Structures are given as structure tokens and as C-alpha cells.
């Protein structure tokens, strides 16, 4: 309609430059337009708006509504489990006020253990929390019941609530992140099948996706993967080759690991007098350096040969030394500590224990070493992690806190007290968000000693006091959850 286009031009230019008119109109529409434009007590802006209203409704006249066949909405199936009790809902409100995801996780774990459901009134909020925090999704799906799965049909963000999804479904049809998680789940229960899935889909994957999926095979590394991983070293993608190489380095028996060991075994030899000589032979195999071993030392006090040998030792499984020296773990550790030629490589041996996640030798090393090595802490049993964390806290406070935050069990009161005394000196680092993120590790009993923990610097006092007040609310909510 030309008169509508004219009206649009007036809107674009403004009534000061182009006034609305009745050009192109006819019949009753022209009469109405002339009546509007003839008004003497109305300004040109009002005339424009009145004319626009008339034209808009004129254009809509006779328009047929869109019809569609819409399937009737399915009714939510009845629940087979009971909803949680009012007391638990009151605790939920207290937990949500703290904005701590870990506390919400604890509350949902209570619901799973009690075999009860989140009530309908709170369910949308909990589903939204699950959408924003992947760590909650399995718990939300388990406590959402039929209603959560039903709501997932209407909101794509809540689709994770459909508990009927299988690992195969997520692997075949999910986004990359979902496929990675599905592969991790299968890897934990059936590593051979996980690798088989990956081999079958490999030709169809993009380079970026290949790298993400391949990284799943690293935890845990499986010797049965060696032949396929070694075949990937001919891939065009640098990222894929680097990922495959990194995993092969964690697999004793791989050709790369054996090459490393052959060089080390030739370089470090005991003589008939019980002394160990160290002399790195010339390395002619360039694949050693292409695998990530640096040729030259950046430290003027360390020779190139020592630097190369240090890297090789840190990349070879510690059990090889027991075979090489015909000694058990304790005697191998003692040999490294006693022989002057081997002492520079003790940290490399520690790195090897950490690299191969050798928990048995980690504990033995900590028990028989005169030096504390922080890299071994995550491999120790929970009790020993806390024990050594307390004992050597002052030497490595930040590193011990970092490892402590990965514990599966609550901190002891002693370790927690040490952490908070240090946190009081660094309140901008160990702030309210830190407390939110690690509240499940913090024992409720720490509340009794919080008032005795004060900052060294006076200007930290106000900020630390705010943190303590917030922590008090978290501990109270945690106590309420634990008492359900």
C-alpha cells in the first residue's frame, strides 16, 4: 500500500520535514484521513499518530489468522516418590540465601539419600541452578522426578532433567561437551569400549573435537590403547599428535617410554664398587627431542646433558629403577639420597611419581625422604594428606591450600584452623567466594574458634570480619543440612 509507505517516510524524516497526507487513499479511508487532517485544534504530530492508527487497522482488516495443528499438551505423569518435608524446604531457603552451590549440592544429596523429591514450587529455581552449574545436574535430575523431565520438554535449558537419556544417546547426539562427559563415564567402567567408540567415530570428527575426545583417554591411561595411540602420531594435526604423545608418555611399554628408558639405563650405571656413574650418551634419535624433551638448558648452573637426563628421568615410571638396581622402593630412594651423582635427580624422580600417579611409591617416598615434596601430596591417602599438610603448611601455604581444596573429605579442625589463620592475612584471595566454593570441606566445628582468628594487618580487619560473618551463615546452613 503506497499510502502506508508514505507514512513510513514521514516517520523516518519527521513531521517537520514531511507532513502526513492523504495521497493515494480513496473511499472511506480518504474521508477519514481528510477529517483527521482538517482538525484545527490538533498539532501535526497528533495528526500523524491518529492517521497511523487508522492505516494500521485498515491494513489488518480482512487478514486471515494463521492456523496450525498443535498437539495437545501432555499431562505430567504422577510422581512415585514423596516430596521432601517442610523442614527440609525451610533449610533449602536458607541454603539458597547463601548462594553457595556446594551447600545446595549437599542439600540435594540429602534428598537423594532420603529418596524424596524437590517440591513443585521450588523446582523451576532448582532446574535453573542445574542449568547454570553442571555439577548439580545429575542430582537435580534424580530429585526432580517426573515433573522435572516433563518441564524439560518446554525449556531446552532444562533438558538435562530427562533421566531417560543414556550414555549412547549423549555420545551419538549430544553436543561436544556432552559427548566428552559420556566418554568419561564409559571410560570409568569399560575402557576398551570407550576406545572402540572413539576409533569408530574418529574419521568423522573435526580436529578440535578429536583433541577434546582424545584427552579423555589420559585418565586413566590404559596400556591397551598403545597401538592405536601410536598410530595417531602420523596425524596431520599438531594438537592431536601432541595429545597422543602426552598420553603415550604415561604408558610404560609404549615405544616412546622404552626409548626414554634405554637412554637412561645406558647413562646411569652402578660399578663394581657400589658407586653410580652418570654419563649421558650421544642421542642420535631426533624423535626423542620431537616428543618434547628440550636439548639445551636455560640455567647456566645446569649442563645440557644434566637437563636432558633430568627430563627423561621425570618421564619414566619409577618402578624401572627397582629393576635396574635390583632394589626395593625404600633402597632405591636411599640410593638416590646417598649417591652424589644421583642427588640432582631426586626432584625428577618425584616428578615421575607424580606424573604416573604412583600412589604406593608416593607414600613410601614421603615416609623415607628427609625433604618434603609438595607434588606428591595429592597421591597420598586422605589422612596423610591432612597430616603432611599440617606439618609443612608454613613452608608451602598456598600450594597446600590448593591441594586441600581438592580433598574429598572434610578438613580436620587443625588443618582448617591453619588455613583460616593464613586466609586472614590474605582476605582478598581467600574471600567470601572462596568460602562458598569450599564450604563442604570446612568443618562446622571451626565456628567455635573463628573469633580467635584475626588478621596481622589492621587494615584487613574489616574485610576479614565480613568474611567471617558470611562464613558463619554458611556454617549455620551446613549444620542445618547435616541435621536433616
Protein backbone atom coordinates (compact mmCIF):
# COMPACT_ATOMS: atom_id res chain seq x y z
CA UNK A 1 0.00 0.00 0.00
CA UNK A 2 1.55 3.23 -1.20
CA UNK A 3 -0.10 5.39 1.48
CA UNK A 4 1.50 3.17 4.17
CA UNK A 5 4.95 3.66 2.60
CA UNK A 6 4.34 7.41 2.60
CA UNK A 7 3.53 7.23 6.29
CA UNK A 8 6.78 5.31 6.95
CA UNK A 9 8.74 8.03 5.11
CA UNK A 10 7.14 10.66 7.33
CA UNK A 11 8.16 8.65 10.41
CA UNK A 12 11.75 8.43 9.15
CA UNK A 13 12.08 12.09 8.16
CA UNK A 14 9.95 13.61 10.91
CA UNK A 15 6.79 15.70 10.64
CA UNK A 16 8.81 18.92 10.49
CA UNK A 17 10.24 17.91 7.07
CA UNK A 18 7.39 15.82 5.67
CA UNK A 19 3.85 16.01 7.00
CA UNK A 20 1.42 13.12 6.82
CA UNK A 21 -1.03 13.38 3.88
CA UNK A 22 -3.90 11.53 2.23
CA UNK A 23 -2.20 10.90 -1.12
CA UNK A 24 -3.05 7.50 -2.61
CA UNK A 25 -6.16 6.99 -0.46
CA UNK A 26 -9.68 6.57 -1.67
CA UNK A 27 -13.22 5.92 -0.46
CA UNK A 28 -14.00 5.82 3.29
CA UNK A 29 -10.26 5.76 4.09
CA UNK A 30 -9.78 9.10 2.25
CA UNK A 31 -12.75 10.62 4.06
CA UNK A 32 -11.40 9.56 7.46
CA UNK A 33 -7.91 10.85 6.61
CA UNK A 34 -9.27 14.22 5.44
CA UNK A 35 -11.28 14.52 8.67
CA UNK A 36 -8.15 13.93 10.74
CA UNK A 37 -6.00 16.31 8.69
CA UNK A 38 -8.66 19.04 8.75
CA UNK A 39 -8.65 19.31 12.56
CA UNK A 40 -7.52 22.78 13.58
CA UNK A 41 -7.05 22.11 17.29
CA UNK A 42 -4.60 19.19 16.77
CA UNK A 43 -0.85 19.54 16.03
CA UNK A 44 0.82 17.71 13.15
CA UNK A 45 2.37 15.04 15.42
CA UNK A 46 -1.05 14.03 16.81
CA UNK A 47 -2.49 14.01 13.29
CA UNK A 48 0.34 11.71 12.20
CA UNK A 49 -0.30 9.29 15.09
CA UNK A 50 -4.08 9.25 14.52
CA UNK A 51 -3.59 8.63 10.79
CA UNK A 52 -1.04 5.86 11.53
CA UNK A 53 -3.53 4.15 13.85
CA UNK A 54 -6.24 4.24 11.21
CA UNK A 55 -3.95 2.96 8.44
CA UNK A 56 -2.56 0.19 10.61
CA UNK A 57 -6.01 -1.15 11.46
CA UNK A 58 -7.12 -0.71 7.82
CA UNK A 59 -4.20 -2.90 6.71
CA UNK A 60 -5.14 -5.57 9.26
CA UNK A 61 -8.75 -5.72 8.08
CA UNK A 62 -9.54 -8.98 6.29
CA UNK A 63 -6.35 -10.70 7.39
CA UNK A 64 -6.82 -14.40 7.97
CA UNK A 65 -5.34 -15.83 11.18
CA UNK A 66 -2.62 -18.43 10.89
CA UNK A 67 -3.84 -21.89 11.63
CA UNK A 68 -1.73 -24.78 12.80
CA UNK A 69 -2.20 -28.28 14.07
CA UNK A 70 -0.93 -28.16 17.63
CA UNK A 71 -0.71 -31.37 19.55
CA UNK A 72 -2.41 -31.22 22.93
CA UNK A 73 -0.09 -30.69 25.87
CA UNK A 74 0.84 -33.90 27.64
CA UNK A 75 -0.10 -34.16 31.26
CA UNK A 76 2.79 -34.71 33.68
CA UNK A 77 2.80 -38.32 34.92
CA UNK A 78 2.14 -38.76 38.64
CA UNK A 79 5.13 -38.94 40.98
CA UNK A 80 6.09 -42.24 42.57
CA UNK A 81 8.17 -40.66 45.35
CA UNK A 82 7.20 -38.35 48.21
CA UNK A 83 8.17 -34.68 48.34
CA UNK A 84 10.63 -33.50 50.97
CA UNK A 85 9.22 -32.32 54.29
CA UNK A 86 8.52 -28.65 55.21
CA UNK A 87 11.58 -28.64 57.50
CA UNK A 88 13.81 -29.52 54.53
CA UNK A 89 12.20 -26.75 52.43
CA UNK A 90 12.99 -24.21 55.16
CA UNK A 91 16.61 -25.37 55.13
CA UNK A 92 16.60 -25.08 51.31
CA UNK A 93 15.56 -21.43 51.56
CA UNK A 94 18.43 -20.83 53.99
CA UNK A 95 20.86 -22.59 51.64
CA UNK A 96 19.71 -20.57 48.63
CA UNK A 97 20.23 -17.31 50.53
CA UNK A 98 23.93 -18.16 50.92
CA UNK A 99 24.31 -18.57 47.12
CA UNK A 100 26.67 -21.48 47.74
CA UNK A 101 26.48 -24.19 45.09
CA UNK A 102 28.27 -26.64 47.39
CA UNK A 103 25.63 -26.23 50.09
CA UNK A 104 22.89 -26.75 47.50
CA UNK A 105 24.74 -29.87 46.40
CA UNK A 106 24.74 -31.13 50.00
CA UNK A 107 21.00 -30.46 50.28
CA UNK A 108 20.28 -32.31 47.04
CA UNK A 109 22.44 -35.21 48.23
CA UNK A 110 20.23 -35.36 51.33
CA UNK A 111 17.15 -35.62 49.08
CA UNK A 112 18.72 -38.45 47.08
CA UNK A 113 19.67 -40.31 50.26
CA UNK A 114 16.18 -39.79 51.74
CA UNK A 115 14.59 -40.77 48.40
CA UNK A 116 12.43 -37.63 48.27
CA UNK A 117 11.70 -35.03 45.59
CA UNK A 118 12.03 -31.26 45.28
CA UNK A 119 8.51 -29.74 45.67
CA UNK A 120 6.94 -28.21 42.52
CA UNK A 121 7.12 -24.63 43.84
CA UNK A 122 10.91 -24.80 44.20
CA UNK A 123 11.60 -26.98 41.16
CA UNK A 124 11.97 -24.26 38.45
CA UNK A 125 14.58 -22.44 40.53
CA UNK A 126 16.48 -25.69 41.19
CA UNK A 127 16.34 -26.59 37.49
CA UNK A 128 17.77 -23.19 36.64
CA UNK A 129 20.59 -23.74 39.14
CA UNK A 130 21.28 -27.06 37.46
CA UNK A 131 21.41 -25.41 34.04
CA UNK A 132 23.99 -22.91 35.28
CA UNK A 133 26.06 -25.47 37.25
CA UNK A 134 26.89 -28.80 35.61
CA UNK A 135 27.97 -30.31 38.93
CA UNK A 136 24.33 -30.22 40.09
CA UNK A 137 22.66 -31.72 37.04
CA UNK A 138 22.71 -35.39 37.98
CA UNK A 139 21.38 -34.56 41.45
CA UNK A 140 18.67 -32.26 40.09
CA UNK A 141 17.56 -34.94 37.62
CA UNK A 142 17.43 -37.51 40.43
CA UNK A 143 15.41 -35.28 42.76
CA UNK A 144 13.22 -33.58 40.16
CA UNK A 145 11.09 -36.62 39.47
CA UNK A 146 8.60 -36.86 36.62
CA UNK A 147 7.84 -33.15 36.76
CA UNK A 148 11.46 -32.16 36.04
CA UNK A 149 11.56 -34.41 32.97
CA UNK A 150 8.16 -33.02 31.88
CA UNK A 151 9.30 -29.41 32.24
CA UNK A 152 12.40 -30.24 30.22
CA UNK A 153 10.20 -30.66 27.14
CA UNK A 154 9.15 -26.99 27.34
CA UNK A 155 12.51 -25.42 28.21
CA UNK A 156 15.61 -26.60 26.29
CA UNK A 157 17.84 -25.33 29.10
CA UNK A 158 16.32 -27.95 31.38
CA UNK A 159 16.68 -30.91 29.03
CA UNK A 160 19.35 -32.40 31.31
CA UNK A 161 16.48 -33.31 33.66
CA UNK A 162 15.43 -36.14 31.38
CA UNK A 163 16.82 -39.07 33.31
CA UNK A 164 15.99 -41.46 30.47
CA UNK A 165 18.97 -40.20 28.43
CA UNK A 166 21.58 -42.94 28.05
CA UNK A 167 25.33 -42.72 27.55
CA UNK A 168 24.80 -43.91 23.98
CA UNK A 169 22.25 -41.12 23.35
CA UNK A 170 24.61 -38.45 24.60
CA UNK A 171 27.54 -39.90 22.66
CA UNK A 172 25.63 -40.15 19.39
CA UNK A 173 23.50 -36.99 19.54
CA UNK A 174 24.89 -34.67 22.21
CA UNK A 175 26.97 -31.52 21.92
CA UNK A 176 30.75 -31.89 22.24
CA UNK A 177 30.72 -31.29 26.00
CA UNK A 178 28.02 -33.94 26.48
CA UNK A 179 29.92 -36.42 24.33
CA UNK A 180 33.08 -35.83 26.36
CA UNK A 181 31.19 -36.49 29.59
CA UNK A 182 29.59 -39.62 28.13
CA UNK A 183 33.01 -40.92 27.06
CA UNK A 184 34.40 -40.24 30.54
CA UNK A 185 31.56 -42.20 32.15
CA UNK A 186 32.12 -45.17 29.86
CA UNK A 187 35.89 -44.92 30.27
CA UNK A 188 35.50 -45.38 34.04
CA UNK A 189 33.56 -48.65 33.64
CA UNK A 190 34.61 -50.07 30.26
CA UNK A 191 37.84 -48.51 28.91
CA UNK A 192 38.01 -50.86 25.92
CA UNK A 193 34.52 -49.93 24.75
CA UNK A 194 35.28 -46.23 25.24
CA UNK A 195 38.30 -46.51 22.95
CA UNK A 196 36.25 -48.53 20.44
CA UNK A 197 33.61 -45.77 20.27
CA UNK A 198 36.32 -43.20 19.69
CA UNK A 199 38.02 -45.26 16.99
CA UNK A 200 34.73 -45.75 15.16
CA UNK A 201 33.84 -42.04 15.16
CA UNK A 202 37.41 -40.79 14.61
CA UNK A 203 37.26 -40.24 10.80
CA UNK A 204 34.14 -38.08 11.17
CA UNK A 205 35.47 -35.78 13.93
CA UNK A 206 36.95 -32.31 13.44
CA UNK A 207 40.47 -31.59 14.68
CA UNK A 208 39.27 -29.63 17.72
CA UNK A 209 36.79 -32.32 18.73
CA UNK A 210 39.41 -35.03 18.18
CA UNK A 211 41.74 -33.35 20.67
CA UNK A 212 39.00 -32.98 23.31
CA UNK A 213 37.82 -36.56 22.99
CA UNK A 214 41.34 -38.00 22.88
CA UNK A 215 42.20 -36.27 26.16
CA UNK A 216 39.62 -38.49 27.89
CA UNK A 217 41.93 -41.49 27.39
CA UNK A 218 44.53 -39.89 29.65
CA UNK A 219 42.59 -40.50 32.87
CA UNK A 220 43.28 -43.28 33.40
CA UNK A 221 45.83 -44.19 30.72
CA UNK A 222 45.37 -47.79 29.57
CA UNK A 223 48.21 -49.92 28.11
CA UNK A 224 45.68 -51.49 25.74
CA UNK A 225 45.43 -48.10 24.00
CA UNK A 226 49.10 -48.07 22.97
CA UNK A 227 48.79 -49.47 19.40
CA UNK A 228 46.01 -47.06 18.44
CA UNK A 229 47.66 -44.06 20.11
CA UNK A 230 50.93 -44.75 18.31
CA UNK A 231 49.05 -44.87 15.00
CA UNK A 232 47.87 -41.29 15.69
CA UNK A 233 51.44 -39.98 15.62
CA UNK A 234 51.11 -39.80 11.83
CA UNK A 235 48.06 -37.47 12.04
CA UNK A 236 48.36 -34.12 10.27
CA UNK A 237 47.09 -32.16 13.26
CA UNK A 238 49.81 -30.95 15.63
CA UNK A 239 47.34 -30.81 18.54
CA UNK A 240 46.29 -34.42 18.03
CA UNK A 241 49.91 -35.62 17.84
CA UNK A 242 50.85 -33.68 20.97
CA UNK A 243 47.88 -35.12 22.88
CA UNK A 244 48.68 -38.67 21.75
CA UNK A 245 52.35 -38.17 22.70
CA UNK A 246 51.41 -36.90 26.16
CA UNK A 247 49.26 -39.96 26.81
CA UNK A 248 51.93 -42.35 25.48
CA UNK A 249 54.40 -40.80 27.93
CA UNK A 250 52.15 -42.06 30.71
CA UNK A 251 52.18 -45.63 29.42
CA UNK A 252 55.15 -47.86 30.31
CA UNK A 253 55.53 -50.20 27.39
CA UNK A 254 54.93 -47.59 24.71
CA UNK A 255 57.78 -47.26 22.22
CA UNK A 256 58.42 -43.68 23.37
CA UNK A 257 58.64 -44.68 27.05
CA UNK A 258 61.03 -47.53 26.15
CA UNK A 259 63.25 -45.17 24.13
CA UNK A 260 63.50 -42.89 27.14
CA UNK A 261 64.40 -45.77 29.41
CA UNK A 262 67.07 -47.18 27.09
CA UNK A 263 68.88 -43.83 27.15
CA UNK A 264 68.60 -43.58 30.96
CA UNK A 265 69.72 -47.19 31.51
CA UNK A 266 72.83 -46.55 29.41
CA UNK A 267 73.55 -43.25 31.13
CA UNK A 268 73.23 -44.36 34.79
CA UNK A 269 75.20 -47.46 35.73
CA UNK A 270 76.44 -48.88 39.07
CA UNK A 271 80.06 -50.04 39.14
CA UNK A 272 81.52 -52.99 41.00
CA UNK A 273 82.35 -50.74 43.96
CA UNK A 274 78.73 -49.75 44.54
CA UNK A 275 79.15 -46.29 43.08
CA UNK A 276 76.78 -44.97 40.41
CA UNK A 277 78.24 -43.22 37.39
CA UNK A 278 76.24 -40.82 35.27
CA UNK A 279 77.25 -40.14 31.66
CA UNK A 280 74.66 -39.27 29.04
CA UNK A 281 75.47 -40.91 25.69
CA UNK A 282 75.01 -39.04 22.44
CA UNK A 283 71.37 -39.06 21.39
CA UNK A 284 71.00 -39.52 17.63
CA UNK A 285 67.28 -40.30 17.61
CA UNK A 286 65.61 -36.96 16.86
CA UNK A 287 62.21 -38.35 17.82
CA UNK A 288 63.32 -38.02 21.46
CA UNK A 289 63.52 -34.25 21.11
CA UNK A 290 60.46 -34.07 18.88
CA UNK A 291 58.48 -35.64 21.75
CA UNK A 292 59.06 -32.57 23.94
CA UNK A 293 62.48 -33.18 25.53
CA UNK A 294 64.50 -29.95 25.44
CA UNK A 295 68.08 -30.17 24.14
CA UNK A 296 69.51 -27.18 25.92
CA UNK A 297 69.42 -25.93 29.48
CA UNK A 298 68.25 -22.38 30.23
CA UNK A 299 70.05 -22.48 33.61
CA UNK A 300 73.76 -21.69 33.41
CA UNK A 301 74.42 -23.82 36.51
CA UNK A 302 72.93 -26.92 34.85
CA UNK A 303 74.66 -28.60 31.89
CA UNK A 304 72.72 -29.58 28.78
CA UNK A 305 73.33 -33.29 29.45
CA UNK A 306 72.02 -33.00 33.02
CA UNK A 307 68.98 -31.07 31.79
CA UNK A 308 68.15 -33.73 29.18
CA UNK A 309 68.65 -36.58 31.66
CA UNK A 310 66.51 -34.79 34.28
CA UNK A 311 63.61 -34.58 31.81
CA UNK A 312 63.97 -38.23 30.81
CA UNK A 313 64.00 -39.44 34.42
CA UNK A 314 60.86 -37.45 35.18
CA UNK A 315 59.14 -39.18 32.25
CA UNK A 316 59.97 -42.82 33.13
CA UNK A 317 57.97 -44.96 35.54
CA UNK A 318 59.71 -45.18 38.97
CA UNK A 319 59.39 -48.99 39.02
CA UNK A 320 62.14 -49.20 36.40
CA UNK A 321 64.72 -48.16 38.97
CA UNK A 322 63.91 -51.16 41.14
CA UNK A 323 64.55 -53.43 38.18
CA UNK A 324 67.68 -51.52 37.18
CA UNK A 325 69.33 -51.50 40.61
CA UNK A 326 67.76 -54.77 41.86
CA UNK A 327 66.47 -52.97 44.95
CA UNK A 328 63.08 -52.37 46.52
CA UNK A 329 61.48 -48.92 46.65
CA UNK A 330 62.99 -47.91 50.01
CA UNK A 331 66.50 -48.86 48.93
CA UNK A 332 66.14 -47.05 45.60
CA UNK A 333 65.14 -43.89 47.46
CA UNK A 334 68.10 -44.33 49.80
CA UNK A 335 70.44 -44.78 46.81
CA UNK A 336 69.28 -41.52 45.24
CA UNK A 337 69.77 -39.76 48.56
CA UNK A 338 73.26 -41.23 49.20
CA UNK A 339 74.91 -41.12 45.78
CA UNK A 340 76.27 -37.69 44.90
CA UNK A 341 75.79 -38.41 41.20
CA UNK A 342 72.08 -39.12 41.71
CA UNK A 343 71.16 -36.39 44.21
CA UNK A 344 70.49 -33.75 41.48
CA UNK A 345 67.86 -36.08 40.02
CA UNK A 346 65.78 -36.64 43.17
CA UNK A 347 63.26 -33.93 42.16
CA UNK A 348 62.99 -35.61 38.74
CA UNK A 349 62.15 -38.90 40.48
CA UNK A 350 59.45 -37.06 42.46
CA UNK A 351 58.03 -35.64 39.23
CA UNK A 352 57.93 -39.15 37.76
CA UNK A 353 55.98 -40.42 40.80
CA UNK A 354 53.50 -37.56 40.32
CA UNK A 355 53.37 -37.97 36.52
CA UNK A 356 52.47 -41.64 36.73
CA UNK A 357 50.23 -41.07 39.78
CA UNK A 358 52.13 -43.80 41.62
CA UNK A 359 50.36 -43.69 45.00
CA UNK A 360 52.28 -46.61 46.53
CA UNK A 361 55.69 -45.13 45.85
CA UNK A 362 54.49 -41.63 46.76
CA UNK A 363 53.70 -42.77 50.30
CA UNK A 364 56.98 -44.68 50.57
CA UNK A 365 58.92 -41.65 49.32
CA UNK A 366 57.29 -39.31 51.83
CA UNK A 367 57.99 -41.74 54.66
CA UNK A 368 61.68 -42.15 53.81
CA UNK A 369 62.61 -38.75 52.44
CA UNK A 370 64.26 -36.05 54.50
CA UNK A 371 62.78 -33.38 52.20
CA UNK A 372 59.12 -32.50 51.72
CA UNK A 373 57.94 -32.55 48.09
CA UNK A 374 54.63 -30.80 47.56
CA UNK A 375 53.93 -32.52 44.20
CA UNK A 376 53.38 -35.87 45.94
CA UNK A 377 50.65 -34.70 48.35
CA UNK A 378 47.65 -35.43 46.06
CA UNK A 379 48.77 -39.08 45.75
CA UNK A 380 48.78 -39.76 49.48
CA UNK A 381 45.86 -41.29 51.42
CA UNK A 382 43.45 -38.69 52.80
CA UNK A 383 44.76 -38.96 56.37
CA UNK A 384 48.38 -38.49 55.24
CA UNK A 385 47.45 -35.57 53.01
CA UNK A 386 46.00 -33.75 56.01
CA UNK A 387 48.90 -34.81 58.24
CA UNK A 388 51.62 -33.56 55.89
CA UNK A 389 49.54 -30.50 55.03
CA UNK A 390 49.51 -29.50 58.70
CA UNK A 391 53.17 -30.38 59.22
CA UNK A 392 54.55 -28.40 56.27
CA UNK A 393 51.88 -25.72 55.97
CA UNK A 394 54.16 -22.80 56.79
CA UNK A 395 56.60 -23.80 54.01
CA UNK A 396 54.02 -24.01 51.19
CA UNK A 397 50.76 -22.38 52.39
CA UNK A 398 49.22 -21.51 49.01
CA UNK A 399 50.15 -24.84 47.40
CA UNK A 400 48.82 -26.84 50.35
CA UNK A 401 45.56 -24.88 50.32
CA UNK A 402 45.27 -25.55 46.57
CA UNK A 403 45.67 -29.29 47.13
CA UNK A 404 43.45 -29.23 50.22
CA UNK A 405 40.63 -27.76 48.12
CA UNK A 406 40.70 -30.94 46.03
CA UNK A 407 40.18 -33.23 49.05
CA UNK A 408 37.14 -35.48 49.00
CA UNK A 409 36.75 -35.44 52.79
CA UNK A 410 36.29 -32.59 55.26
CA UNK A 411 39.39 -30.88 56.55
CA UNK A 412 40.47 -31.69 60.07
CA UNK A 413 39.89 -28.92 62.57
CA UNK A 414 43.65 -28.46 62.91
CA UNK A 415 44.24 -28.09 59.16
CA UNK A 416 41.22 -25.82 58.77
CA UNK A 417 42.48 -23.58 61.57
CA UNK A 418 45.88 -23.29 59.85
CA UNK A 419 44.21 -22.46 56.56
CA UNK A 420 41.99 -19.78 58.08
CA UNK A 421 44.82 -18.16 60.04
CA UNK A 422 46.65 -17.79 56.74
CA UNK A 423 43.47 -16.71 54.95
CA UNK A 424 43.10 -13.87 57.46
CA UNK A 425 46.41 -12.49 56.15
CA UNK A 426 45.20 -12.81 52.53
CA UNK A 427 41.49 -11.91 52.76
CA UNK A 428 41.25 -10.62 49.19
CA UNK A 429 42.35 -14.01 47.86
CA UNK A 430 40.53 -16.24 50.36
CA UNK A 431 37.32 -14.24 50.28
CA UNK A 432 33.60 -14.95 50.58
CA UNK A 433 33.52 -16.68 47.20
CA UNK A 434 36.33 -18.98 48.34
CA UNK A 435 34.23 -19.93 51.38
CA UNK A 436 31.19 -20.52 49.14
CA UNK A 437 33.16 -22.78 46.83
CA UNK A 438 34.66 -24.96 49.58
CA UNK A 439 32.10 -24.99 52.38
CA UNK A 440 31.60 -28.75 52.15
CA UNK A 441 35.28 -29.18 53.15
CA UNK A 442 35.03 -26.77 56.09
CA UNK A 443 34.05 -28.47 59.37
CA UNK A 444 31.18 -26.88 61.29
CA UNK A 445 33.33 -27.09 64.42
CA UNK A 446 35.54 -24.26 63.10
CA UNK A 447 32.80 -21.83 64.15
CA UNK A 448 33.93 -22.19 67.78
CA UNK A 449 37.42 -20.80 67.03
CA UNK A 450 36.63 -18.20 64.35
CA UNK A 451 36.65 -15.34 66.85
CA UNK A 452 40.25 -16.20 67.77
CA UNK A 453 41.43 -15.86 64.16
CA UNK A 454 42.38 -12.26 63.40
CA UNK A 455 44.45 -10.58 60.67
CA UNK A 456 48.01 -9.44 61.31
CA UNK A 457 47.47 -6.16 59.45
CA UNK A 458 44.89 -3.81 60.97
CA UNK A 459 43.61 -2.67 57.56
CA UNK A 460 42.49 -6.26 56.82
CA UNK A 461 40.28 -6.42 59.91
CA UNK A 462 37.07 -5.01 58.43
CA UNK A 463 37.20 -7.15 55.31
CA UNK A 464 38.06 -10.30 57.25
CA UNK A 465 35.22 -9.65 59.70
CA UNK A 466 32.78 -9.51 56.77
CA UNK A 467 34.14 -12.84 55.54
CA UNK A 468 33.67 -14.37 58.99
CA UNK A 469 30.07 -13.16 59.17
CA UNK A 470 29.37 -14.71 55.77
CA UNK A 471 31.17 -17.91 56.77
CA UNK A 472 29.05 -18.05 59.91
CA UNK A 473 25.88 -18.08 57.77
CA UNK A 474 27.36 -20.83 55.60
CA UNK A 475 28.27 -22.95 58.61
CA UNK A 476 24.82 -22.48 60.12
CA UNK A 477 23.16 -23.58 56.87
CA UNK A 478 25.53 -26.54 56.57
CA UNK A 479 24.72 -27.57 60.13
CA UNK A 480 21.00 -27.43 59.29
CA UNK A 481 21.52 -29.63 56.22
CA UNK A 482 23.52 -32.17 58.20
CA UNK A 483 20.81 -32.33 60.85
CA UNK A 484 18.05 -33.26 58.40
